[in-house]
Amino acid sequence: MSRLYLSAPHMGGLEAGYVAEAFATNWLSSVGPNLDAFEDELARVVGAPTCALASGTAALHLALRALGVGPGDEVLCPTLTFVASVNPIAYLGARPVLLDSERTSFNLDPCCLEDALRAAERRGRRPAALVVVHLYGQSADLDAILPLAARYGVPVVEDAAEALGTEHRGRQVGALGDVGVLSFNGNKIITTTGGGALTSRDRALVDRARFWSTQARDPGIAYEHSELGYNYRMSNVLAGIGRGQLAVLAERVRQRRRVAFQYRDAFADLDGLELMPQAEWGLHTNWLSVFTVDPTRLGVDRDALLAALARDDIEARPAWKPMHLQPLYASAERVGGAVAEDVFARGICLPSSSFLTDDDLGRVIRAVRGAVPGASAS
């Protein structure tokens, strides 16, 4: 049996044609028709202008810089996330303030956010930005978060790196705050093999990020630079892959949801193994199928399930390790943390690739059930 990976790329069929066109026309650098078209097509999906970049991390870095984040500033962000949601804060010399999750969606807790905003106000400081992560393809509670941020005058960056195709109240996340970030890494719901994008309804902000992403070269024939820039632009070749992938986004969302719900139904009789909550305020893509384990009820803990899956050459992982438990950010200021710690301790991410067959899913299901005392094989 071949190894089952957690989340592998899934090509749709059109990608090779766009890439071949880039080679045939010799548009191989960070300019070209695929790049322009990809940005236009992506803008139609998210509902706002976009700039295609080398990674989601680059996009977050430029987003924070565009909002004026600098040395000594405080930036609010969730503790339950991947480290790339926090590192760009440090790139700019700012300090992350880590906020706990709520249990309805595992995303940032609006109550912790309000506590942090009030504490900052008492100190006479206003956070320079708020990073809201849409975790595992599920929208955060924007109905509560956006008004809070607006009341305190704090701009919002939506880290939608895991959430292309995710909706909040029928609207694609990523362009609902002041600026948004997307990722097309190889493990995402669609991929450009490596890449990301910045999006905002503020076209001037997007244009500024695009300028910085190409080493901030000033207009004119000379290579003259008056601002600090970066080599962050996506290539025309990778944008061709992105165009083919965008064409199958809706199908990939359906396939990821099918995987998650097939697991859910297969484990319905197992007391203590539950699919992560599906919040009522949006469409959850289930980019990863995340379950929580109650070892007392299930009779086995999360790590035993991981070991059983590994023995069958099936890749599975814990939920994200909170940032306040990471050596890199252990000294950061935080509000709460118990919910994030619990999700990390009990959360397991099962193989979620959109091309998984019923036989593949059956193999995962049998491995999980086989590790649970008294459970039948299927």
Protein backbone atom coordinates (compact mmCIF):
# COMPACT_ATOMS: atom_id res chain seq x y z
CA MET A 1 0.00 0.00 0.00
CA SER A 2 1.24 3.49 -0.80
CA ARG A 3 1.53 6.13 1.88
CA LEU A 4 -1.52 8.31 2.51
CA TYR A 5 -0.48 11.91 3.03
CA LEU A 6 -2.24 14.52 5.12
CA SER A 7 -3.00 16.97 2.31
CA ALA A 8 -1.46 16.52 -1.12
CA PRO A 9 -1.76 18.60 -4.31
CA HIS A 10 -4.58 17.72 -6.70
CA MET A 11 -4.29 18.99 -10.25
CA GLY A 12 -7.41 19.72 -12.28
CA GLY A 13 -6.27 19.29 -15.88
CA LEU A 14 -5.92 22.86 -17.15
CA GLU A 15 -2.70 23.69 -15.32
CA ALA A 16 -0.32 22.04 -17.80
CA GLY A 17 -1.71 24.07 -20.70
CA TYR A 18 -1.17 27.39 -18.96
CA VAL A 19 2.35 26.38 -17.91
CA ALA A 20 3.17 25.19 -21.43
CA GLU A 21 1.98 28.52 -22.77
CA ALA A 22 4.33 30.33 -20.38
CA PHE A 23 7.25 28.25 -21.64
CA ALA A 24 6.27 28.62 -25.29
CA THR A 25 6.07 32.41 -25.00
CA ASN A 26 9.11 32.64 -22.65
CA TRP A 27 7.17 34.49 -19.95
CA LEU A 28 9.03 32.75 -17.11
CA SER A 29 9.70 35.52 -14.61
CA SER A 30 7.51 37.58 -12.30
CA VAL A 31 5.65 39.28 -15.15
CA GLY A 32 3.40 37.85 -17.85
CA PRO A 33 -0.16 37.18 -18.99
CA ASN A 34 -0.79 34.29 -16.57
CA LEU A 35 0.10 36.51 -13.63
CA ASP A 36 -2.23 39.30 -14.72
CA ALA A 37 -5.04 36.85 -15.46
CA PHE A 38 -4.59 34.95 -12.20
CA GLU A 39 -4.89 38.16 -10.19
CA ASP A 40 -8.03 39.15 -12.11
CA GLU A 41 -9.61 35.71 -11.71
CA LEU A 42 -8.71 35.55 -8.02
CA ALA A 43 -10.14 39.04 -7.49
CA ARG A 44 -13.48 37.81 -8.83
CA VAL A 45 -13.45 34.96 -6.31
CA VAL A 46 -12.60 37.06 -3.24
CA GLY A 47 -14.42 40.19 -4.35
CA ALA A 48 -11.47 42.60 -4.11
CA PRO A 49 -8.22 43.50 -5.92
CA THR A 50 -5.35 41.06 -5.39
CA CYS A 51 -1.58 40.83 -5.67
CA ALA A 52 -0.07 37.38 -6.31
CA LEU A 53 3.05 36.72 -4.23
CA ALA A 54 5.66 34.08 -3.45
CA SER A 55 3.95 32.88 -0.25
CA GLY A 56 1.21 33.58 2.23
CA THR A 57 3.90 34.61 4.72
CA ALA A 58 5.15 37.26 2.30
CA ALA A 59 1.58 38.48 1.90
CA LEU A 60 1.14 38.83 5.66
CA HIS A 61 4.45 40.67 5.96
CA LEU A 62 3.39 43.17 3.30
CA ALA A 63 -0.12 43.47 4.78
CA LEU A 64 1.22 44.44 8.19
CA ARG A 65 3.73 46.85 6.69
CA ALA A 66 0.99 48.46 4.60
CA LEU A 67 -0.99 49.07 7.79
CA GLY A 68 1.99 50.86 9.30
CA VAL A 69 3.09 48.20 11.78
CA GLY A 70 6.61 48.92 13.00
CA PRO A 71 9.13 48.45 15.84
CA GLY A 72 7.62 48.38 19.31
CA ASP A 73 4.01 48.08 18.12
CA GLU A 74 1.61 45.52 19.55
CA VAL A 75 -0.24 43.23 17.15
CA LEU A 76 -3.07 41.02 18.40
CA CYS A 77 -3.30 37.50 16.99
CA PRO A 78 -4.59 34.06 17.99
CA THR A 79 -2.30 31.67 19.80
CA LEU A 80 -3.82 28.62 18.08
CA THR A 81 -2.34 28.90 14.61
CA PHE A 82 0.67 28.05 12.46
CA VAL A 83 3.81 30.04 13.27
CA ALA A 84 3.66 31.87 9.90
CA SER A 85 0.69 33.84 11.25
CA VAL A 86 2.97 35.39 13.88
CA ASN A 87 6.47 35.53 12.41
CA PRO A 88 5.81 38.55 10.13
CA ILE A 89 4.93 40.55 13.25
CA ALA A 90 8.46 39.90 14.47
CA TYR A 91 9.92 40.69 11.01
CA LEU A 92 8.71 44.26 11.53
CA GLY A 93 10.05 44.56 15.07
CA ALA A 94 6.55 44.46 16.57
CA ARG A 95 5.32 42.32 19.47
CA PRO A 96 2.55 39.70 19.22
CA VAL A 97 -0.15 39.60 21.89
CA LEU A 98 -1.56 36.07 21.81
CA LEU A 99 -5.29 35.48 22.27
CA ASP A 100 -7.12 32.26 23.12
CA SER A 101 -9.70 30.43 21.00
CA GLU A 102 -13.40 29.84 21.51
CA ARG A 103 -14.89 26.35 21.23
CA THR A 104 -17.53 27.10 18.58
CA SER A 105 -15.00 27.28 15.75
CA PHE A 106 -11.56 26.94 17.43
CA ASN A 107 -10.84 30.46 16.15
CA LEU A 108 -10.01 33.66 18.01
CA ASP A 109 -12.27 34.28 21.02
CA PRO A 110 -14.02 37.68 20.77
CA CYS A 111 -14.15 37.86 24.58
CA CYS A 112 -10.36 37.56 24.80
CA LEU A 113 -10.08 40.15 22.06
CA GLU A 114 -12.23 42.60 24.01
CA ASP A 115 -10.16 41.97 27.16
CA ALA A 116 -6.96 42.69 25.23
CA LEU A 117 -8.37 45.85 23.66
CA ARG A 118 -9.55 47.15 27.03
CA ALA A 119 -6.18 46.38 28.62
CA ALA A 120 -4.37 48.23 25.82
CA GLU A 121 -6.69 51.22 26.24
CA ARG A 122 -5.97 51.35 29.99
CA ARG A 123 -2.24 51.48 29.19
CA GLY A 124 -2.82 54.29 26.73
CA ARG A 125 -1.77 52.10 23.79
CA ARG A 126 -3.70 51.07 20.74
CA PRO A 127 -2.67 47.84 18.97
CA ALA A 128 -1.33 48.53 15.50
CA ALA A 129 -3.29 45.66 13.96
CA LEU A 130 -5.32 42.53 14.62
CA VAL A 131 -4.55 39.32 12.73
CA VAL A 132 -7.62 37.08 12.53
CA VAL A 133 -6.92 33.51 11.37
CA HIS A 134 -9.61 31.42 9.67
CA LEU A 135 -8.39 28.09 11.01
CA TYR A 136 -8.57 24.82 9.04
CA GLY A 137 -10.93 26.43 6.52
CA GLN A 138 -13.47 27.78 9.02
CA SER A 139 -14.32 31.44 9.39
CA ALA A 140 -13.74 33.19 12.68
CA ASP A 141 -16.71 34.94 14.30
CA LEU A 142 -16.45 38.11 12.23
CA ASP A 143 -19.88 39.31 13.38
CA ALA A 144 -18.34 39.87 16.81
CA ILE A 145 -14.71 40.55 15.87
CA LEU A 146 -15.00 43.24 13.18
CA PRO A 147 -17.24 45.61 15.20
CA LEU A 148 -14.93 45.27 18.22
CA ALA A 149 -11.88 46.14 16.16
CA ALA A 150 -13.70 49.07 14.56
CA ARG A 151 -14.79 50.41 17.96
CA TYR A 152 -11.18 50.57 19.12
CA GLY A 153 -9.80 51.76 15.78
CA VAL A 154 -7.68 48.67 15.12
CA PRO A 155 -7.24 47.56 11.48
CA VAL A 156 -7.91 43.89 10.73
CA VAL A 157 -5.77 41.50 8.71
CA GLU A 158 -7.61 38.32 7.73
CA ASP A 159 -5.18 35.41 7.59
CA ALA A 160 -7.19 33.25 5.21
CA ALA A 161 -4.18 31.11 4.26
CA GLU A 162 -6.18 27.98 5.14
CA ALA A 163 -9.51 29.31 3.96
CA LEU A 164 -9.86 29.96 0.24
CA GLY A 165 -13.43 28.90 -0.54
CA THR A 166 -14.56 29.54 3.04
CA GLU A 167 -17.60 31.77 3.45
CA HIS A 168 -18.85 33.96 6.26
CA ARG A 169 -22.57 34.74 5.89
CA GLY A 170 -22.32 33.88 2.21
CA ARG A 171 -19.24 36.02 1.49
CA GLN A 172 -15.74 34.70 0.76
CA VAL A 173 -13.37 35.47 3.64
CA GLY A 174 -10.18 37.41 3.00
CA ALA A 175 -11.64 40.73 1.88
CA LEU A 176 -13.98 41.39 4.80
CA GLY A 177 -11.38 43.14 6.96
CA ASP A 178 -8.92 45.83 5.91
CA VAL A 179 -6.54 43.46 4.14
CA GLY A 180 -6.43 39.70 3.61
CA VAL A 181 -3.86 36.99 3.05
CA LEU A 182 -4.16 33.75 1.05
CA SER A 183 -1.80 30.80 0.63
CA PHE A 184 -1.32 28.42 -2.29
CA ASN A 185 1.27 26.18 -0.66
CA GLY A 186 1.35 22.59 -1.86
CA ASN A 187 -0.86 21.37 0.98
CA LYS A 188 -3.64 23.95 0.54
CA ILE A 189 -7.08 23.40 -0.98
CA ILE A 190 -5.71 24.71 -4.28
CA THR A 191 -2.01 25.24 -4.97
CA THR A 192 0.51 27.02 -7.13
CA THR A 193 3.11 24.65 -5.57
CA GLY A 194 4.30 27.61 -3.53
CA GLY A 195 2.67 31.01 -3.47
CA GLY A 196 0.20 33.35 -1.86
CA ALA A 197 -1.75 36.53 -2.38
CA LEU A 198 -2.66 39.78 -0.69
CA THR A 199 -6.15 41.15 -1.16
CA SER A 200 -7.93 44.33 -0.09
CA ARG A 201 -10.81 46.53 -1.15
CA ASP A 202 -8.27 49.37 -0.89
CA ARG A 203 -6.71 49.23 -4.36
CA ALA A 204 -3.98 51.70 -3.38
CA LEU A 205 -2.87 49.35 -0.61
CA VAL A 206 -2.70 46.43 -3.05
CA ASP A 207 -0.71 48.51 -5.53
CA ARG A 208 1.71 49.52 -2.76
CA ALA A 209 2.23 45.88 -1.79
CA ARG A 210 2.84 44.97 -5.44
CA PHE A 211 5.46 47.74 -5.66
CA TRP A 212 7.27 46.48 -2.55
CA SER A 213 7.09 42.88 -3.81
CA THR A 214 9.32 43.68 -6.81
CA GLN A 215 12.17 45.28 -4.84
CA ALA A 216 10.37 48.65 -4.80
CA ARG A 217 11.93 49.75 -8.05
CA ASP A 218 10.99 53.34 -8.83
CA PRO A 219 9.52 54.19 -12.27
CA GLY A 220 12.03 54.97 -14.96
CA ILE A 221 14.76 53.29 -16.95
CA ALA A 222 17.31 53.35 -14.14
CA TYR A 223 17.28 50.84 -11.32
CA GLU A 224 16.52 53.41 -8.66
CA HIS A 225 15.07 52.66 -5.23
CA SER A 226 13.74 55.08 -2.64
CA GLU A 227 11.97 52.49 -0.46
CA LEU A 228 12.88 49.09 0.95
CA GLY A 229 11.50 46.27 -1.16
CA TYR A 230 11.50 42.48 -1.35
CA ASN A 231 11.69 39.69 -3.92
CA TYR A 232 8.14 38.51 -3.17
CA ARG A 233 6.36 38.39 -6.52
CA MET A 234 4.81 35.18 -7.88
CA SER A 235 6.17 33.94 -11.20
CA ASN A 236 4.14 33.76 -14.39
CA VAL A 237 4.72 29.97 -14.50
CA LEU A 238 3.24 29.38 -11.05
CA ALA A 239 0.37 31.75 -11.81
CA GLY A 240 -0.50 29.44 -14.69
CA ILE A 241 -0.87 26.57 -12.24
CA GLY A 242 -3.03 28.84 -10.11
CA ARG A 243 -5.36 29.61 -13.01
CA GLY A 244 -5.99 25.92 -13.58
CA GLN A 245 -6.53 25.35 -9.88
CA LEU A 246 -9.00 28.21 -9.49
CA ALA A 247 -11.18 26.57 -12.13
CA VAL A 248 -11.76 23.60 -9.81
CA LEU A 249 -11.99 25.44 -6.48
CA ALA A 250 -15.71 24.76 -5.95
CA GLU A 251 -15.17 21.08 -6.71
CA ARG A 252 -12.24 20.91 -4.27
CA VAL A 253 -14.39 22.44 -1.53
CA ARG A 254 -17.07 19.80 -2.10
CA GLN A 255 -14.46 17.03 -2.08
CA ARG A 256 -12.83 18.21 1.17
CA ARG A 257 -16.21 18.43 2.85
CA ARG A 258 -17.11 14.95 1.61
CA VAL A 259 -13.93 13.57 3.20
CA ALA A 260 -14.65 15.21 6.57
CA PHE A 261 -18.29 14.13 6.69
CA GLN A 262 -17.48 10.58 5.60
CA TYR A 263 -15.11 10.31 8.56
CA ARG A 264 -17.73 11.88 10.83
CA ASP A 265 -20.36 9.37 9.82
CA ALA A 266 -17.95 6.43 10.11
CA PHE A 267 -17.07 7.43 13.68
CA ALA A 268 -20.60 8.36 14.77
CA ASP A 269 -20.84 5.35 17.10
CA LEU A 270 -17.50 6.08 18.81
CA ASP A 271 -18.12 8.04 21.99
CA GLY A 272 -15.28 10.52 22.41
CA LEU A 273 -14.20 11.12 18.79
CA GLU A 274 -15.82 14.21 17.26
CA LEU A 275 -15.37 16.32 14.13
CA MET A 276 -14.38 19.89 14.97
CA PRO A 277 -17.43 22.15 15.31
CA GLN A 278 -19.03 23.54 12.18
CA ALA A 279 -19.98 27.09 13.16
CA GLU A 280 -23.38 28.27 11.97
CA TRP A 281 -22.11 31.56 10.55
CA GLY A 282 -20.40 30.19 7.49
CA LEU A 283 -19.41 27.49 5.04
CA HIS A 284 -16.51 25.48 6.46
CA THR A 285 -14.35 23.94 3.72
CA ASN A 286 -12.77 21.44 6.12
CA TRP A 287 -9.41 22.03 4.45
CA LEU A 288 -8.20 19.54 7.04
CA SER A 289 -10.46 17.02 8.73
CA VAL A 290 -9.82 17.79 12.39
CA PHE A 291 -11.23 15.63 15.17
CA THR A 292 -10.96 15.91 18.94
CA VAL A 293 -10.37 12.93 21.18
CA ASP A 294 -11.78 12.49 24.68
CA PRO A 295 -9.53 9.68 25.97
CA THR A 296 -11.72 8.93 28.97
CA ARG A 297 -14.75 8.23 26.81
CA LEU A 298 -12.94 6.77 23.79
CA GLY A 299 -10.59 4.55 25.77
CA VAL A 300 -7.52 5.73 23.87
CA ASP A 301 -5.75 9.07 23.57
CA ARG A 302 -4.84 11.18 20.56
CA ASP A 303 -1.21 10.06 20.48
CA ALA A 304 -2.22 6.39 20.40
CA LEU A 305 -4.34 7.12 17.32
CA LEU A 306 -1.41 8.90 15.68
CA ALA A 307 0.80 5.88 16.37
CA ALA A 308 -1.77 3.45 14.96
CA LEU A 309 -2.09 5.48 11.78
CA ALA A 310 1.69 5.74 11.42
CA ARG A 311 1.99 1.94 11.63
CA ASP A 312 -0.28 1.76 8.57
CA ASP A 313 1.82 4.37 6.73
CA ILE A 314 -0.90 7.00 7.07
CA GLU A 315 0.16 10.57 7.76
CA ALA A 316 -1.78 12.34 10.51
CA ARG A 317 -0.79 15.19 12.78
CA PRO A 318 -1.79 16.92 16.00
CA ALA A 319 -3.71 20.18 15.83
CA TRP A 320 -1.52 23.29 15.79
CA LYS A 321 0.66 23.76 18.84
CA PRO A 322 -0.29 27.12 20.38
CA MET A 323 2.24 29.91 19.98
CA HIS A 324 2.49 30.51 23.73
CA LEU A 325 3.76 26.92 24.12
CA GLN A 326 6.44 27.48 21.48
CA PRO A 327 9.94 28.41 22.73
CA LEU A 328 10.02 31.23 20.17
CA TYR A 329 6.97 33.01 21.64
CA ALA A 330 6.80 31.65 25.19
CA SER A 331 7.47 35.11 26.66
CA ALA A 332 4.83 36.90 24.58
CA GLU A 333 1.94 38.58 26.33
CA ARG A 334 -1.24 36.56 26.10
CA VAL A 335 -4.89 36.50 27.12
CA GLY A 336 -6.12 33.05 28.11
CA GLY A 337 -4.81 29.93 26.43
CA ALA A 338 -6.62 27.00 28.05
CA VAL A 339 -8.91 26.34 25.07
CA ALA A 340 -6.02 26.41 22.60
CA GLU A 341 -4.02 24.07 24.83
CA ASP A 342 -6.94 21.65 25.00
CA VAL A 343 -7.43 21.63 21.22
CA PHE A 344 -3.71 20.94 20.78
CA ALA A 345 -3.72 18.16 23.37
CA ARG A 346 -6.76 16.38 21.92
CA GLY A 347 -6.87 17.44 18.26
CA ILE A 348 -5.92 15.12 15.40
CA CYS A 349 -5.78 16.01 11.69
CA LEU A 350 -6.64 13.07 9.44
CA PRO A 351 -5.73 12.66 5.75
CA SER A 352 -7.81 15.20 3.86
CA SER A 353 -6.61 15.25 0.24
CA SER A 354 -9.44 16.00 -2.15
CA PHE A 355 -8.64 12.98 -4.36
CA LEU A 356 -8.99 10.35 -1.61
CA THR A 357 -11.08 7.38 -2.73
CA ASP A 358 -13.58 5.44 -0.67
CA ASP A 359 -10.91 2.74 -0.34
CA ASP A 360 -8.41 5.31 0.96
CA LEU A 361 -10.90 6.63 3.47
CA GLY A 362 -11.80 3.08 4.50
CA ARG A 363 -8.14 2.41 5.22
CA VAL A 364 -7.95 5.44 7.54
CA ILE A 365 -11.23 4.55 9.20
CA ARG A 366 -10.12 0.96 9.85
CA ALA A 367 -6.82 2.12 11.33
CA VAL A 368 -8.59 4.50 13.71
CA ARG A 369 -11.29 2.05 14.72
CA GLY A 370 -8.70 -0.69 15.16
CA ALA A 371 -6.98 1.40 17.83
CA VAL A 372 -10.19 1.94 19.82
CA PRO A 373 -10.88 -0.76 22.43
CA GLY A 374 -14.05 -2.68 21.66
CA ALA A 375 -14.74 -0.94 18.33
CA SER A 376 -15.67 -3.00 15.31
CA ALA A 377 -13.41 -2.77 12.25
CA SER A 378 -15.98 -0.82 10.20
